[in-house]
Structures are given as C-alpha cells and as structure tokens.
Protein backbone atom coordinates (compact mmCIF):
# COMPACT_ATOMS: atom_id res chain seq x y z
CA MET A 1 9.98 -31.80 -140.47
CA VAL A 2 9.13 -28.74 -142.55
CA LEU A 3 9.65 -25.26 -141.09
CA THR A 4 7.26 -22.75 -142.60
CA ASN A 5 6.23 -19.09 -142.20
CA LEU A 6 9.78 -17.79 -141.86
CA ARG A 7 12.35 -15.50 -143.40
CA ALA A 8 15.53 -17.42 -144.23
CA ALA A 9 18.94 -15.75 -144.18
CA THR A 10 20.73 -18.49 -146.11
CA LEU A 11 24.15 -16.78 -146.31
CA GLN A 12 24.38 -18.09 -149.85
CA PRO A 13 25.57 -15.84 -152.71
CA GLY A 14 22.84 -13.79 -154.33
CA THR A 15 21.54 -10.32 -154.88
CA ASP A 16 20.90 -9.88 -151.15
CA PRO A 17 24.01 -9.84 -148.90
CA TYR A 18 22.25 -12.17 -146.43
CA GLY A 19 20.92 -14.56 -149.10
CA LEU A 20 17.49 -13.64 -147.74
CA ILE A 21 14.41 -15.59 -148.84
CA GLU A 22 11.04 -14.10 -147.88
CA ASP A 23 8.15 -16.44 -146.96
CA ALA A 24 10.54 -19.38 -147.00
CA ALA A 25 10.37 -23.03 -146.03
CA LEU A 26 13.08 -25.35 -144.73
CA VAL A 27 12.94 -29.14 -144.90
CA LEU A 28 14.96 -31.07 -142.31
CA VAL A 29 15.55 -34.77 -142.75
CA GLY A 30 17.53 -36.36 -139.95
CA ASP A 31 20.43 -34.07 -139.09
CA LYS A 32 20.62 -32.43 -142.54
CA ILE A 33 18.85 -29.72 -144.48
CA ALA A 34 17.06 -31.44 -147.36
CA TRP A 35 15.61 -28.35 -149.04
CA VAL A 36 15.34 -24.57 -148.63
CA GLY A 37 13.52 -22.06 -150.74
CA PRO A 38 10.29 -20.07 -151.16
CA LEU A 39 7.30 -21.81 -149.59
CA ALA A 40 5.45 -21.55 -152.90
CA ALA A 41 8.14 -23.73 -154.49
CA LEU A 42 8.11 -26.45 -151.80
CA PRO A 43 8.28 -29.84 -153.57
CA GLY A 44 5.17 -31.95 -153.16
CA ASP A 45 7.28 -34.84 -151.88
CA TYR A 46 7.53 -33.03 -148.53
CA GLY A 47 3.81 -32.33 -148.14
CA ASP A 48 3.26 -35.13 -145.60
CA LEU A 49 6.06 -34.12 -143.24
CA THR A 50 5.27 -32.55 -139.86
CA ALA A 51 5.05 -28.77 -140.25
CA GLN A 52 6.38 -26.30 -137.70
CA ASP A 53 5.09 -22.73 -138.00
CA MET A 54 7.90 -20.28 -137.20
CA GLY A 55 5.54 -17.33 -136.75
CA GLY A 56 7.24 -15.17 -139.37
CA ARG A 57 10.54 -15.26 -137.51
CA LEU A 58 14.02 -14.98 -138.94
CA VAL A 59 15.96 -18.22 -139.37
CA THR A 60 19.73 -18.29 -139.86
CA PRO A 61 22.41 -20.92 -139.66
CA ALA A 62 23.27 -21.52 -136.01
CA LEU A 63 26.19 -19.36 -134.88
CA ILE A 64 29.77 -20.61 -134.66
CA ASP A 65 32.31 -19.24 -132.16
CA CYS A 66 35.58 -20.10 -133.87
CA HIS A 67 38.08 -18.71 -131.32
CA THR A 68 37.70 -19.23 -127.55
CA HIS A 69 39.79 -20.02 -124.49
CA VAL A 70 36.69 -21.00 -122.53
CA VAL A 71 38.47 -23.78 -120.56
CA HIS A 72 40.67 -22.14 -117.93
CA GLY A 73 41.15 -21.73 -114.21
CA GLY A 74 40.49 -18.60 -112.18
CA ASN A 75 40.00 -15.07 -113.50
CA ARG A 76 42.07 -11.91 -113.97
CA ALA A 77 39.84 -9.19 -112.59
CA THR A 78 42.76 -7.61 -110.70
CA GLU A 79 44.67 -7.23 -113.97
CA PHE A 80 41.62 -5.53 -115.42
CA GLU A 81 42.02 -2.98 -112.65
CA MET A 82 45.76 -2.65 -113.39
CA ARG A 83 45.12 -1.90 -117.05
CA LEU A 84 42.53 0.71 -116.10
CA GLN A 85 45.26 2.38 -114.04
CA GLY A 86 47.52 2.58 -117.09
CA ALA A 87 49.47 -0.70 -117.25
CA SER A 88 49.79 -2.10 -120.78
CA TYR A 89 49.04 -5.73 -121.68
CA GLU A 90 52.78 -6.29 -122.22
CA ALA A 91 53.68 -4.67 -118.88
CA VAL A 92 51.18 -6.88 -117.05
CA ALA A 93 52.58 -9.97 -118.78
CA ARG A 94 56.19 -9.09 -118.06
CA ALA A 95 55.33 -8.52 -114.39
CA GLY A 96 54.19 -12.13 -114.07
CA GLY A 97 50.55 -11.52 -114.90
CA GLY A 98 48.74 -12.17 -118.12
CA ILE A 99 48.67 -15.68 -119.51
CA VAL A 100 51.16 -16.96 -116.93
CA SER A 101 48.87 -16.01 -114.03
CA THR A 102 46.05 -18.07 -115.54
CA VAL A 103 48.50 -20.94 -115.97
CA LYS A 104 48.93 -21.20 -112.20
CA ALA A 105 45.16 -21.33 -111.60
CA THR A 106 44.63 -23.82 -114.42
CA ARG A 107 47.39 -26.14 -113.23
CA ASN A 108 45.73 -26.19 -109.80
CA ALA A 109 42.30 -27.09 -111.20
CA SER A 110 41.03 -30.63 -111.67
CA GLU A 111 39.44 -31.74 -114.92
CA ASP A 112 36.00 -31.62 -113.28
CA GLU A 113 36.63 -28.10 -112.03
CA LEU A 114 37.70 -26.97 -115.50
CA VAL A 115 34.61 -28.51 -117.06
CA TRP A 116 32.12 -27.04 -114.61
CA ALA A 117 33.68 -23.58 -114.74
CA ALA A 118 33.60 -23.61 -118.55
CA LEU A 119 29.99 -24.82 -118.74
CA ALA A 120 28.71 -21.53 -117.32
CA PHE A 121 30.13 -19.74 -120.36
CA VAL A 122 29.25 -22.49 -122.82
CA ASP A 123 25.63 -22.43 -121.69
CA ALA A 124 25.51 -18.68 -122.26
CA MET A 125 26.87 -19.21 -125.79
CA ILE A 126 24.35 -21.95 -126.57
CA ALA A 127 21.57 -19.68 -125.30
CA GLU A 128 22.54 -17.16 -127.99
CA GLY A 129 22.20 -19.67 -130.81
CA VAL A 130 25.75 -21.03 -130.93
CA ALA A 131 26.05 -24.63 -132.14
CA VAL A 132 29.84 -24.92 -132.64
CA ILE A 133 32.53 -23.74 -130.22
CA GLU A 134 36.27 -23.91 -130.73
CA ILE A 135 38.14 -24.45 -127.45
CA LYS A 136 41.89 -24.01 -127.08
CA SER A 137 44.38 -25.38 -124.60
CA GLY A 138 47.32 -23.14 -123.73
CA TYR A 139 46.97 -22.42 -120.02
CA GLY A 140 48.84 -25.52 -118.90
CA LEU A 141 52.22 -25.03 -120.60
CA GLU A 142 53.21 -28.46 -119.34
CA ARG A 143 52.10 -31.87 -120.49
CA ASP A 144 49.56 -32.96 -117.89
CA THR A 145 47.58 -29.71 -117.74
CA GLU A 146 47.52 -29.24 -121.51
CA LEU A 147 46.08 -32.73 -121.86
CA ARG A 148 43.63 -32.10 -119.01
CA MET A 149 42.34 -28.97 -120.75
CA LEU A 150 41.80 -30.84 -124.01
CA ARG A 151 40.02 -33.69 -122.25
CA ALA A 152 37.79 -31.14 -120.51
CA ALA A 153 36.96 -29.61 -123.89
CA ARG A 154 36.01 -33.01 -125.32
CA ARG A 155 33.77 -33.68 -122.29
CA ILE A 156 31.93 -30.41 -122.84
CA GLY A 157 31.01 -31.59 -126.32
CA GLN A 158 29.58 -34.76 -124.79
CA MET A 159 27.66 -32.97 -122.03
CA ARG A 160 26.00 -30.27 -124.12
CA PRO A 161 24.26 -30.13 -127.52
CA VAL A 162 27.16 -28.35 -129.17
CA LEU A 163 29.98 -29.39 -131.49
CA VAL A 164 33.38 -28.72 -129.89
CA ARG A 165 36.51 -28.32 -132.01
CA THR A 166 39.79 -28.32 -130.10
CA SER A 167 42.98 -26.41 -130.82
CA PHE A 168 46.31 -27.37 -129.25
CA LEU A 169 47.88 -24.10 -128.05
CA ALA A 170 50.84 -25.09 -125.91
CA ALA A 171 52.83 -22.46 -127.86
CA HIS A 172 50.87 -19.75 -126.04
CA ALA A 173 53.46 -18.38 -123.61
CA VAL A 174 56.78 -19.37 -122.08
CA PRO A 175 56.14 -20.76 -118.56
CA VAL A 176 58.10 -19.43 -115.60
CA GLU A 177 60.26 -22.55 -115.37
CA TYR A 178 61.43 -22.01 -118.97
CA GLN A 179 61.96 -18.25 -118.90
CA GLY A 180 64.81 -17.35 -121.24
CA ARG A 181 64.67 -20.85 -122.75
CA ALA A 182 61.79 -20.65 -125.20
CA ASP A 183 63.47 -22.97 -127.70
CA ALA A 184 63.93 -25.62 -125.04
CA TYR A 185 60.25 -25.30 -124.09
CA ILE A 186 59.17 -25.86 -127.70
CA ASP A 187 61.43 -28.93 -128.03
CA GLU A 188 60.95 -30.46 -124.59
CA VAL A 189 57.31 -29.69 -123.78
CA CYS A 190 55.25 -28.29 -126.65
CA ILE A 191 56.05 -30.69 -129.48
CA PRO A 192 56.21 -33.89 -127.36
CA THR A 193 52.87 -33.00 -125.74
CA LEU A 194 51.36 -32.42 -129.18
CA HIS A 195 52.29 -35.97 -130.17
CA VAL A 196 50.67 -37.40 -127.02
CA ALA A 197 47.51 -35.29 -127.44
CA HIS A 198 47.21 -36.32 -131.08
CA ALA A 199 47.63 -39.99 -130.19
CA GLU A 200 44.72 -39.63 -127.72
CA GLY A 201 42.49 -38.03 -130.37
CA LEU A 202 42.33 -34.73 -128.49
CA VAL A 203 43.47 -32.35 -131.24
CA ASP A 204 41.56 -30.95 -134.22
CA ALA A 205 44.03 -28.15 -135.04
CA VAL A 206 47.30 -26.62 -133.80
CA ASP A 207 47.56 -22.96 -132.78
CA GLY A 208 50.30 -20.64 -131.55
CA PHE A 209 50.93 -17.08 -130.34
CA CYS A 210 53.46 -15.32 -132.55
CA GLU A 211 54.37 -12.19 -130.62
CA GLY A 212 57.27 -10.53 -128.81
CA ILE A 213 55.88 -11.64 -125.44
CA ALA A 214 55.36 -15.19 -126.71
CA PHE A 215 57.13 -17.00 -129.58
CA SER A 216 59.10 -15.96 -132.64
CA PRO A 217 58.15 -16.95 -136.20
CA THR A 218 61.04 -19.42 -136.24
CA GLN A 219 59.81 -21.12 -133.07
CA ILE A 220 56.22 -21.24 -134.34
CA GLU A 221 57.45 -22.71 -137.61
CA ARG A 222 58.87 -25.70 -135.72
CA VAL A 223 55.49 -26.27 -134.08
CA PHE A 224 53.75 -26.02 -137.45
CA GLN A 225 56.19 -28.50 -138.97
CA ALA A 226 55.32 -30.96 -136.20
CA ALA A 227 51.62 -30.40 -136.87
CA GLN A 228 52.18 -30.92 -140.58
CA THR A 229 53.91 -34.23 -139.88
CA LEU A 230 50.84 -35.36 -137.92
CA GLY A 231 48.46 -34.21 -140.65
CA LEU A 232 46.89 -31.53 -138.44
CA PRO A 233 45.76 -28.12 -139.75
CA VAL A 234 47.20 -24.98 -138.19
CA LYS A 235 46.00 -21.51 -137.17
CA LEU A 236 47.78 -18.61 -135.47
CA HIS A 237 47.38 -15.66 -133.11
CA ALA A 238 49.16 -13.16 -135.35
CA GLU A 239 49.89 -9.43 -135.51
CA GLN A 240 47.91 -8.62 -132.36
CA LEU A 241 50.45 -6.36 -130.65
CA SER A 242 53.08 -5.92 -133.38
CA ASN A 243 53.92 -7.20 -136.84
CA LEU A 244 56.31 -10.17 -136.80
CA GLY A 245 55.05 -11.60 -140.09
CA GLY A 246 52.98 -14.25 -138.36
CA ALA A 247 50.09 -14.08 -140.82
CA ALA A 248 52.42 -14.66 -143.77
CA LEU A 249 53.99 -17.60 -141.90
CA ALA A 250 50.55 -19.06 -141.23
CA ALA A 251 49.62 -18.63 -144.87
CA ARG A 252 52.78 -20.42 -145.96
CA PHE A 253 51.55 -23.46 -144.03
CA GLY A 254 48.05 -23.17 -145.53
CA ALA A 255 46.60 -22.16 -142.17
CA LEU A 256 42.86 -22.33 -141.59
CA SER A 257 43.01 -18.89 -140.02
CA ALA A 258 45.14 -16.06 -138.72
CA ASP A 259 43.51 -14.32 -135.75
CA HIS A 260 43.53 -10.80 -134.22
CA LEU A 261 45.52 -9.03 -137.00
CA GLU A 262 45.47 -5.48 -135.63
CA TYR A 263 48.98 -4.84 -137.01
CA LEU A 264 48.59 -6.81 -140.25
CA ASP A 265 50.11 -5.19 -143.34
CA GLU A 266 49.26 -5.54 -147.02
CA ALA A 267 51.91 -8.20 -147.64
CA GLY A 268 50.33 -10.33 -144.93
CA VAL A 269 46.85 -9.77 -146.36
CA ALA A 270 48.05 -10.78 -149.83
CA ALA A 271 49.66 -13.94 -148.44
CA MET A 272 46.44 -14.87 -146.63
CA ALA A 273 44.38 -14.28 -149.76
CA ALA A 274 46.67 -16.51 -151.84
CA ALA A 275 46.52 -19.30 -149.24
CA GLY A 276 42.77 -19.08 -148.58
CA THR A 277 43.43 -18.32 -144.91
CA VAL A 278 40.50 -16.82 -143.00
CA ALA A 279 40.98 -13.61 -140.99
CA VAL A 280 39.41 -14.04 -137.55
CA ILE A 281 38.40 -10.65 -136.18
CA LEU A 282 38.35 -10.42 -132.37
CA PRO A 283 36.91 -7.06 -131.25
CA GLY A 284 36.57 -8.15 -127.61
CA ALA A 285 40.34 -8.10 -127.09
CA PHE A 286 40.67 -4.80 -128.96
CA TYR A 287 38.01 -3.30 -126.69
CA THR A 288 39.32 -4.74 -123.42
CA LEU A 289 42.94 -3.78 -124.10
CA ARG A 290 41.86 -0.35 -125.38
CA GLU A 291 43.91 -0.86 -128.51
CA THR A 292 44.14 1.87 -131.11
CA ALA A 293 45.45 -0.03 -134.13
CA MET A 294 42.55 -1.70 -135.96
CA PRO A 295 42.59 -4.71 -138.28
CA PRO A 296 42.86 -3.57 -141.91
CA ILE A 297 39.23 -4.34 -142.78
CA ASP A 298 39.32 -2.45 -146.07
CA LEU A 299 42.45 -4.30 -147.20
CA LEU A 300 40.90 -7.63 -146.25
CA ARG A 301 37.85 -6.69 -148.34
CA GLN A 302 40.03 -5.56 -151.23
CA TYR A 303 41.83 -8.91 -151.33
CA ALA A 304 38.58 -10.86 -150.71
CA VAL A 305 39.92 -12.49 -147.54
CA PRO A 306 37.00 -14.09 -145.66
CA MET A 307 36.48 -12.45 -142.26
CA ALA A 308 35.20 -14.49 -139.33
CA VAL A 309 34.10 -12.94 -136.02
CA ALA A 310 34.57 -14.63 -132.64
CA THR A 311 34.48 -13.83 -128.92
CA ASP A 312 38.08 -14.78 -128.04
CA MET A 313 36.48 -15.66 -124.68
CA ASN A 314 39.37 -15.74 -122.19
CA PRO A 315 39.99 -14.56 -118.62
CA GLY A 316 42.40 -11.77 -119.53
CA SER A 317 42.07 -9.83 -122.75
CA SER A 318 38.49 -10.73 -123.74
CA PRO A 319 36.33 -11.92 -120.83
CA MET A 320 33.28 -11.98 -123.11
CA ALA A 321 31.00 -14.95 -123.79
CA SER A 322 28.55 -13.22 -126.15
CA LEU A 323 29.03 -13.77 -129.88
CA LEU A 324 26.15 -11.37 -130.56
CA LEU A 325 28.10 -8.68 -128.71
CA ALA A 326 31.22 -9.55 -130.71
CA MET A 327 29.19 -9.05 -133.90
CA ASN A 328 28.02 -5.65 -132.67
CA MET A 329 31.58 -4.66 -131.73
CA ALA A 330 32.88 -5.75 -135.14
CA CYS A 331 30.42 -3.30 -136.68
CA THR A 332 30.76 -0.39 -134.26
CA LEU A 333 34.52 -0.57 -133.67
CA PHE A 334 35.79 -1.84 -137.03
CA ARG A 335 32.98 -0.69 -139.36
CA MET A 336 32.19 -4.16 -140.61
CA THR A 337 28.68 -4.36 -142.02
CA PRO A 338 25.95 -6.35 -140.22
CA ALA A 339 25.97 -8.76 -143.17
CA GLU A 340 29.72 -9.24 -142.82
CA ALA A 341 29.32 -9.79 -139.07
CA LEU A 342 26.66 -12.47 -139.56
CA ALA A 343 28.69 -14.20 -142.27
CA GLY A 344 31.65 -13.93 -139.89
CA ALA A 345 29.78 -15.83 -137.20
CA THR A 346 28.46 -18.49 -139.58
CA ILE A 347 29.92 -19.39 -142.97
CA HIS A 348 33.37 -17.85 -142.47
CA ALA A 349 33.62 -19.10 -138.88
CA ALA A 350 32.93 -22.60 -140.19
CA ARG A 351 35.70 -22.20 -142.74
CA ALA A 352 38.08 -20.99 -140.01
CA LEU A 353 37.54 -24.37 -138.33
CA GLY A 354 37.83 -26.40 -141.52
CA LEU A 355 34.11 -27.23 -141.48
CA THR A 356 32.37 -27.41 -144.85
CA ASP A 357 29.07 -28.93 -143.75
CA ARG A 358 27.60 -25.97 -141.86
CA GLY A 359 27.42 -22.19 -141.77
CA THR A 360 24.79 -21.76 -144.49
CA LEU A 361 21.20 -22.81 -145.11
CA ALA A 362 21.58 -25.12 -148.09
CA THR A 363 20.74 -28.64 -149.14
CA GLY A 364 23.11 -31.14 -147.52
CA GLN A 365 24.26 -28.76 -144.77
CA ALA A 366 23.98 -29.69 -141.10
CA ALA A 367 20.54 -28.93 -139.67
CA ASP A 368 21.95 -26.48 -137.10
CA LEU A 369 19.65 -23.45 -137.09
CA ALA A 370 18.91 -20.40 -135.00
CA ILE A 371 15.38 -19.01 -134.92
CA TRP A 372 15.21 -15.37 -133.89
CA ASN A 373 12.56 -12.96 -132.69
CA CYS A 374 13.70 -10.60 -135.43
CA GLY A 375 12.35 -9.25 -138.67
CA HIS A 376 15.67 -8.57 -140.37
CA PRO A 377 19.18 -10.08 -140.03
CA ALA A 378 20.75 -6.66 -139.32
CA GLU A 379 19.02 -6.73 -135.94
CA LEU A 380 21.41 -9.43 -134.74
CA ALA A 381 24.37 -7.02 -134.80
CA TYR A 382 22.30 -3.95 -133.96
CA ARG A 383 21.17 -4.45 -130.38
CA ILE A 384 23.50 -4.37 -127.38
CA GLY A 385 23.00 -6.64 -124.38
CA PHE A 386 19.80 -8.21 -125.74
CA ASN A 387 19.34 -11.82 -126.79
CA PRO A 388 16.62 -12.27 -129.46
CA LEU A 389 16.96 -16.06 -129.74
CA HIS A 390 13.59 -17.83 -129.86
CA GLN A 391 14.75 -21.38 -130.44
CA ARG A 392 17.77 -23.35 -131.55
CA ILE A 393 17.90 -26.49 -133.67
CA GLN A 394 20.95 -28.76 -133.28
CA GLY A 395 21.35 -31.70 -135.64
CA GLY A 396 17.70 -31.44 -136.67
CA VAL A 397 16.42 -31.50 -133.07
CA LEU A 398 14.39 -28.58 -131.68
C-alpha cells in the first residue's frame, strides 16, 4: 500500500533533527518499507497500489522499549511507601526487600500467571505505538524460574503483534540462599542456567547488574565470558547507584548497551564511545528513587554516544509502562531534546538491541510505523499522560 497525506519523521540524518519530510508518502511492500519521500517524487511504479490517506498526520517509526522487566510476579507498593518515608533503595534491598522480594513472588507464579500479568503492561505499551519490547529475566535467581520467565517472554511475542527480544539477567541479585556466596551463585546457578536457556533458544542477549548491592565487575566479567563463548551479545545495568567501572567493562566486551549511568564518569563515556556501546537512559528509575545524580548527558553528546530511552518497567524502581512518559521525563529531568528522546525510542533503541532493520523510515527497513494525531514530532515528548496514537502498523499490517 501507499500511505499519503502525511508528515514523515524519518529519523534519518539531514538538516532537520527529526529527518522530517513534509507532504510525504510511504510505500509498504509486504513487511518492508519500499520507498519514502515527498509525495511529488513518488515513483510511477507505485501508482496502482492501494492508497491510504493519513489525514495530514505525523508518521514515525514505531517505538521500541529496549529495557523492561515486564515479566514478574507481584508488586512492591509497600516498598514505595517505605521509600516515601525516607528509606533508600539500598536500605530496602538490604532489609530483604527490593529485587529479592519480587523473586519470592515470581518463583511462586506459574508461567501462565506470569504471561497474563505481563500482558496488561504489554498491551498498554502497544497502545502507545510500541512494536518492539525487550524483556529480561532476573527475578528467578534459580534455574527453573529463570527459564520460566524467558519462556513467558517468548509466549508474549507469539500472543501479541510485537517483537520480543529477551535478555538473560540471572546476574541481577544474590538470592537469599546464596547470601555471602555470590561467586558460588555465579558458578553454580547463573552460568549453568545460561547454557540451558541458550540451548532452548530463549536468549537474545545477556545482562547483569554491576553494583554494590548486586555483583562486582569481576563476577560480571565471568558471566560475560560465558556469553561470549556462546556467541551472545551483552549489556549491563551500570553506574546506577555508584561507579564501579561497569560501563567500561561492558565496553571492553563490545556491549550493545550500558544502562542507567547516573554515576558514569568521562572515562566510562570514552570507553563506550570507542566500543560503539549505546547509553540507555532510564528516567523512570531516577524519578521513582528520587535520585539526585543525573546521567552525564552533555558528556555523552560530546563523545557522540547514542542515547536510547526506555521505561525500565519493573515492580520496584520504575513501575512505569509508558514510553511516551519516559520520553517526556528524559526531556524534563535530564534536558534531552525532544528530537533526542524520539531518536532514543526508535533508532538508538533498535541499536541497543542489536537490531539494524528498524528504527527509521527508510527503504528496506521493517514496516513498523506509528501514526499520530500530531502536527510535529516534538509533541510526542511534550504532553504528559496523553496518548496521541491514531494507528499502528506492524510488519506492514494496519
């Protein structure tokens, strides 16, 4: 089909930061974009295709949420109350809350229960124009539940019109039964489970949490070495609460992304730039935890490190399922521009997942589009609590 009467934010390099084409046309053939450009330049070869009038609306690549923990059991509303009364994220975690509390609820949930609980959030994401969602494990911290989470994630991709990319995150926290024995947990649970999950085709990437309340750089390095042996790309929760050099470690392994980065220093930024590692900015966690240290946005710009934006949807530190809200927060809290926020939820988010076939409007790219009741792309990051999506196209299907 041919989409006409639209404004196209292509996210391709040009004089306009959005790659904006006024009075544009888009040609979709099968599940790919065959042509995009000014309507006046539409090749005659496409004149007989079915035309769809977009009513002057804005069209962008469909959004990509490149960092979520959407599969989990239970919720942590009581911890939300604790933090409001002054308890820090670390204090909650050390008192048996935090990630470990979600582990108990997730271990007690069946695969069906995990799927149906997650679908409520996934549907909300799809309704905001999201076509790709990354889903992590990491709330099992033992073999069977980690595998169950990954299987649930794969099922979601079969049940909904959305591409799901999975990340193995067993190196997320030390479970109660391994307290004081983090090295043993990595050797006896994390790495062996990774091998089983990979053999079942459940893993697209390997993640970890490099932090004082989680795992040291040395321990994460062992996980990354195992991933490297299996030919799996890596990514890392790094420099969220302190600076342990996690981003530089991730860069040394050619990581797809390093995520959070509130305490990232210039050496870490330089390492990421040299490795081509994407910085995933997660304002939902910053907001929920009432952090004060902000990611070094200016340094990331200076070193031309691509910045993705994601929800970090999880039951504890970022119980947020709106990527549009994450884009707004990235602008209001971190002073990213609306153009950076949109690129962060499209082209750079795709790169953070190792995807090269989507995230822009260009010939040969996946025909995943979002059609908005907007006149200008800046409106997507401007409004709060309002969803301007008119229609979504997934794989060329309205």
